[in-house]
Amino acid sequence: MSREGVPDKKSAQPRAAGTPIWVWVVYAFGILAAAIFAFALLFTLGAVALSDDVGVTYDVSLPAFILWGALMLVAAVTWFVRRRQR
């Protein structure tokens, strides 16, 4: 019987060990940043929408906006790059 169609088990590549811990840390910070950003936005929109008789003001912190936005961007880019590597 011929064994030409059977793949050689020795030539198989070793399996990757899994997702590195730094990727999980980046994902966690990205999810945390997205949650903080979303809750802050919803809280501000709720205050504006539910306060008909009182004027609502809000102050946007530019460093915080840049920090949370950068964390979300890094997590999204990491996710897209790792998806394309598969």
N, C-alpha and C. Protein backbone atom coordinates (compact mmCIF):
# COMPACT_ATOMS: atom_id res chain seq x y z
N MET A 1 0.85 -1.17 0.00
CA MET A 1 0.00 0.00 0.00
C MET A 1 0.90 1.24 0.00
N SER A 2 0.58 2.22 -0.81
CA SER A 2 1.37 3.44 -0.94
C SER A 2 0.99 4.45 0.14
N ARG A 3 1.98 5.19 0.64
CA ARG A 3 1.73 6.19 1.68
C ARG A 3 2.02 7.59 1.15
N GLU A 4 1.90 7.80 -0.13
CA GLU A 4 2.22 9.09 -0.72
C GLU A 4 1.28 10.20 -0.25
N GLY A 5 0.05 9.91 0.01
CA GLY A 5 -0.93 10.92 0.40
C GLY A 5 -0.93 11.24 1.88
N VAL A 6 -0.20 10.49 2.67
CA VAL A 6 -0.17 10.70 4.12
C VAL A 6 0.88 11.76 4.44
N PRO A 7 0.49 12.83 5.14
CA PRO A 7 1.47 13.86 5.48
C PRO A 7 2.48 13.35 6.51
N ASP A 8 3.69 13.86 6.42
CA ASP A 8 4.74 13.47 7.35
C ASP A 8 4.53 14.20 8.68
N LYS A 9 4.46 13.45 9.76
CA LYS A 9 4.21 14.05 11.07
C LYS A 9 5.41 14.85 11.57
N LYS A 10 6.60 14.51 11.14
CA LYS A 10 7.79 15.21 11.59
C LYS A 10 7.93 16.60 10.99
N SER A 11 7.34 16.84 9.84
CA SER A 11 7.47 18.14 9.19
C SER A 11 6.46 19.17 9.69
N ALA A 12 5.58 18.77 10.58
CA ALA A 12 4.56 19.69 11.09
C ALA A 12 5.21 20.77 11.97
N GLN A 13 4.75 21.98 11.84
CA GLN A 13 5.24 23.10 12.63
C GLN A 13 4.76 22.94 14.07
N PRO A 14 5.60 23.32 15.05
CA PRO A 14 5.11 23.27 16.44
C PRO A 14 4.03 24.32 16.65
N ARG A 15 3.06 23.97 17.45
CA ARG A 15 1.94 24.87 17.72
C ARG A 15 2.37 26.05 18.56
N ALA A 16 1.78 27.18 18.29
CA ALA A 16 2.06 28.37 19.09
C ALA A 16 1.54 28.17 20.51
N ALA A 17 2.18 28.83 21.45
CA ALA A 17 1.83 28.64 22.85
C ALA A 17 0.54 29.34 23.24
N GLY A 18 0.02 30.19 22.41
CA GLY A 18 -1.20 30.92 22.72
C GLY A 18 -0.98 32.42 22.64
N THR A 19 -1.93 33.16 23.14
CA THR A 19 -1.85 34.61 23.08
C THR A 19 -0.90 35.12 24.17
N PRO A 20 0.05 35.97 23.79
CA PRO A 20 0.97 36.53 24.80
C PRO A 20 0.23 37.40 25.81
N ILE A 21 0.80 37.51 27.00
CA ILE A 21 0.16 38.26 28.07
C ILE A 21 0.06 39.74 27.73
N TRP A 22 1.03 40.28 26.98
CA TRP A 22 0.99 41.71 26.66
C TRP A 22 -0.22 42.03 25.79
N VAL A 23 -0.65 41.08 24.97
CA VAL A 23 -1.84 41.31 24.13
C VAL A 23 -3.07 41.41 25.02
N TRP A 24 -3.16 40.54 26.03
CA TRP A 24 -4.31 40.59 26.94
C TRP A 24 -4.31 41.89 27.75
N VAL A 25 -3.12 42.37 28.12
CA VAL A 25 -3.03 43.64 28.86
C VAL A 25 -3.50 44.79 27.97
N VAL A 26 -3.08 44.80 26.72
CA VAL A 26 -3.51 45.85 25.79
C VAL A 26 -5.02 45.79 25.59
N TYR A 27 -5.56 44.58 25.41
CA TYR A 27 -7.01 44.44 25.26
C TYR A 27 -7.74 44.94 26.51
N ALA A 28 -7.24 44.59 27.68
CA ALA A 28 -7.90 45.00 28.94
C ALA A 28 -7.91 46.52 29.07
N PHE A 29 -6.76 47.16 28.79
CA PHE A 29 -6.73 48.63 28.86
C PHE A 29 -7.63 49.25 27.80
N GLY A 30 -7.71 48.66 26.64
CA GLY A 30 -8.60 49.17 25.59
C GLY A 30 -10.06 49.07 25.98
N ILE A 31 -10.44 47.94 26.58
CA ILE A 31 -11.82 47.76 27.03
C ILE A 31 -12.14 48.71 28.17
N LEU A 32 -11.19 48.88 29.10
CA LEU A 32 -11.38 49.82 30.20
C LEU A 32 -11.55 51.24 29.67
N ALA A 33 -10.71 51.63 28.73
CA ALA A 33 -10.80 52.97 28.15
C ALA A 33 -12.13 53.17 27.43
N ALA A 34 -12.56 52.16 26.68
CA ALA A 34 -13.83 52.28 25.97
C ALA A 34 -15.00 52.38 26.95
N ALA A 35 -14.94 51.63 28.05
CA ALA A 35 -16.01 51.69 29.05
C ALA A 35 -16.04 53.07 29.72
N ILE A 36 -14.89 53.59 30.09
CA ILE A 36 -14.84 54.92 30.71
C ILE A 36 -15.35 55.97 29.74
N PHE A 37 -14.92 55.89 28.51
CA PHE A 37 -15.36 56.84 27.48
C PHE A 37 -16.87 56.77 27.27
N ALA A 38 -17.39 55.55 27.17
CA ALA A 38 -18.83 55.37 26.93
C ALA A 38 -19.65 55.85 28.13
N PHE A 39 -19.24 55.50 29.34
CA PHE A 39 -19.99 55.93 30.52
C PHE A 39 -19.95 57.44 30.69
N ALA A 40 -18.80 58.05 30.42
CA ALA A 40 -18.70 59.51 30.51
C ALA A 40 -19.61 60.18 29.49
N LEU A 41 -19.62 59.64 28.28
CA LEU A 41 -20.48 60.20 27.24
C LEU A 41 -21.96 60.02 27.59
N LEU A 42 -22.33 58.83 28.04
CA LEU A 42 -23.73 58.59 28.41
C LEU A 42 -24.14 59.44 29.61
N PHE A 43 -23.27 59.60 30.59
CA PHE A 43 -23.57 60.43 31.74
C PHE A 43 -23.79 61.89 31.33
N THR A 44 -22.93 62.39 30.46
CA THR A 44 -23.06 63.77 29.99
C THR A 44 -24.33 63.95 29.16
N LEU A 45 -24.60 63.02 28.26
CA LEU A 45 -25.82 63.12 27.45
C LEU A 45 -27.07 63.00 28.31
N GLY A 46 -27.03 62.15 29.33
CA GLY A 46 -28.16 62.02 30.25
C GLY A 46 -28.39 63.30 31.04
N ALA A 47 -27.32 63.93 31.47
CA ALA A 47 -27.45 65.19 32.22
C ALA A 47 -28.02 66.28 31.33
N VAL A 48 -27.57 66.36 30.10
CA VAL A 48 -28.08 67.37 29.18
C VAL A 48 -29.55 67.11 28.85
N ALA A 49 -29.90 65.85 28.61
CA ALA A 49 -31.26 65.52 28.21
C ALA A 49 -32.26 65.63 29.36
N LEU A 50 -31.85 65.34 30.58
CA LEU A 50 -32.79 65.29 31.69
C LEU A 50 -32.85 66.57 32.52
N SER A 51 -32.09 67.57 32.18
CA SER A 51 -32.12 68.81 32.96
C SER A 51 -32.68 69.94 32.11
N ASP A 52 -34.00 70.00 32.05
CA ASP A 52 -34.65 71.03 31.23
C ASP A 52 -34.60 72.40 31.90
N ASP A 53 -34.66 72.44 33.21
CA ASP A 53 -34.77 73.72 33.90
C ASP A 53 -33.42 74.30 34.33
N VAL A 54 -32.37 73.51 34.29
CA VAL A 54 -31.05 73.98 34.74
C VAL A 54 -30.07 73.83 33.59
N GLY A 55 -29.25 74.83 33.40
CA GLY A 55 -28.23 74.75 32.36
C GLY A 55 -27.12 73.79 32.77
N VAL A 56 -26.74 72.93 31.87
CA VAL A 56 -25.69 71.96 32.15
C VAL A 56 -24.44 72.36 31.38
N THR A 57 -23.34 72.41 32.09
CA THR A 57 -22.06 72.67 31.44
C THR A 57 -21.16 71.46 31.66
N TYR A 58 -20.24 71.29 30.80
CA TYR A 58 -19.30 70.19 30.93
C TYR A 58 -17.94 70.66 30.44
N ASP A 59 -16.92 70.11 31.04
CA ASP A 59 -15.56 70.47 30.71
C ASP A 59 -14.85 69.19 30.25
N VAL A 60 -14.37 69.22 29.03
CA VAL A 60 -13.69 68.06 28.47
C VAL A 60 -12.19 68.20 28.72
N SER A 61 -11.62 67.23 29.37
CA SER A 61 -10.18 67.21 29.63
C SER A 61 -9.48 66.67 28.39
N LEU A 62 -8.71 67.51 27.74
CA LEU A 62 -8.02 67.09 26.53
C LEU A 62 -6.99 65.99 26.80
N PRO A 63 -6.18 66.08 27.87
CA PRO A 63 -5.25 64.97 28.12
C PRO A 63 -5.97 63.63 28.37
N ALA A 64 -7.07 63.66 29.10
CA ALA A 64 -7.82 62.43 29.34
C ALA A 64 -8.42 61.90 28.04
N PHE A 65 -8.95 62.78 27.22
CA PHE A 65 -9.52 62.39 25.94
C PHE A 65 -8.45 61.74 25.06
N ILE A 66 -7.26 62.32 25.02
CA ILE A 66 -6.16 61.76 24.23
C ILE A 66 -5.72 60.42 24.81
N LEU A 67 -5.61 60.32 26.13
CA LEU A 67 -5.18 59.07 26.76
C LEU A 67 -6.14 57.93 26.47
N TRP A 68 -7.43 58.14 26.74
CA TRP A 68 -8.42 57.07 26.53
C TRP A 68 -8.55 56.75 25.05
N GLY A 69 -8.50 57.77 24.21
CA GLY A 69 -8.56 57.52 22.77
C GLY A 69 -7.37 56.73 22.27
N ALA A 70 -6.18 57.06 22.78
CA ALA A 70 -4.97 56.33 22.37
C ALA A 70 -5.03 54.88 22.85
N LEU A 71 -5.50 54.64 24.06
CA LEU A 71 -5.61 53.27 24.55
C LEU A 71 -6.60 52.45 23.71
N MET A 72 -7.71 53.07 23.33
CA MET A 72 -8.67 52.37 22.48
C MET A 72 -8.08 52.10 21.10
N LEU A 73 -7.34 53.07 20.57
CA LEU A 73 -6.74 52.91 19.25
C LEU A 73 -5.67 51.81 19.26
N VAL A 74 -4.84 51.78 20.28
CA VAL A 74 -3.81 50.75 20.38
C VAL A 74 -4.45 49.36 20.47
N ALA A 75 -5.50 49.23 21.26
CA ALA A 75 -6.18 47.94 21.38
C ALA A 75 -6.82 47.53 20.06
N ALA A 76 -7.44 48.47 19.37
CA ALA A 76 -8.07 48.15 18.08
C ALA A 76 -7.03 47.77 17.03
N VAL A 77 -5.94 48.49 16.97
CA VAL A 77 -4.88 48.18 16.00
C VAL A 77 -4.27 46.81 16.32
N THR A 78 -4.04 46.53 17.59
CA THR A 78 -3.51 45.22 17.98
C THR A 78 -4.46 44.11 17.55
N TRP A 79 -5.74 44.32 17.76
CA TRP A 79 -6.73 43.30 17.38
C TRP A 79 -6.73 43.08 15.86
N PHE A 80 -6.73 44.18 15.09
CA PHE A 80 -6.75 44.05 13.63
C PHE A 80 -5.48 43.39 13.10
N VAL A 81 -4.33 43.77 13.63
CA VAL A 81 -3.07 43.19 13.18
C VAL A 81 -3.02 41.70 13.50
N ARG A 82 -3.46 41.31 14.69
CA ARG A 82 -3.44 39.90 15.05
C ARG A 82 -4.45 39.09 14.24
N ARG A 83 -5.55 39.71 13.85
CA ARG A 83 -6.53 39.02 13.00
C ARG A 83 -5.97 38.77 11.61
N ARG A 84 -5.21 39.74 11.09
CA ARG A 84 -4.66 39.60 9.74
C ARG A 84 -3.51 38.61 9.70
N GLN A 85 -2.87 38.34 10.83
CA GLN A 85 -1.77 37.39 10.87
C GLN A 85 -2.24 35.95 10.81
N ARG A 86 -3.47 35.70 11.11
CA ARG A 86 -3.99 34.33 11.11
C ARG A 86 -4.16 33.79 9.73
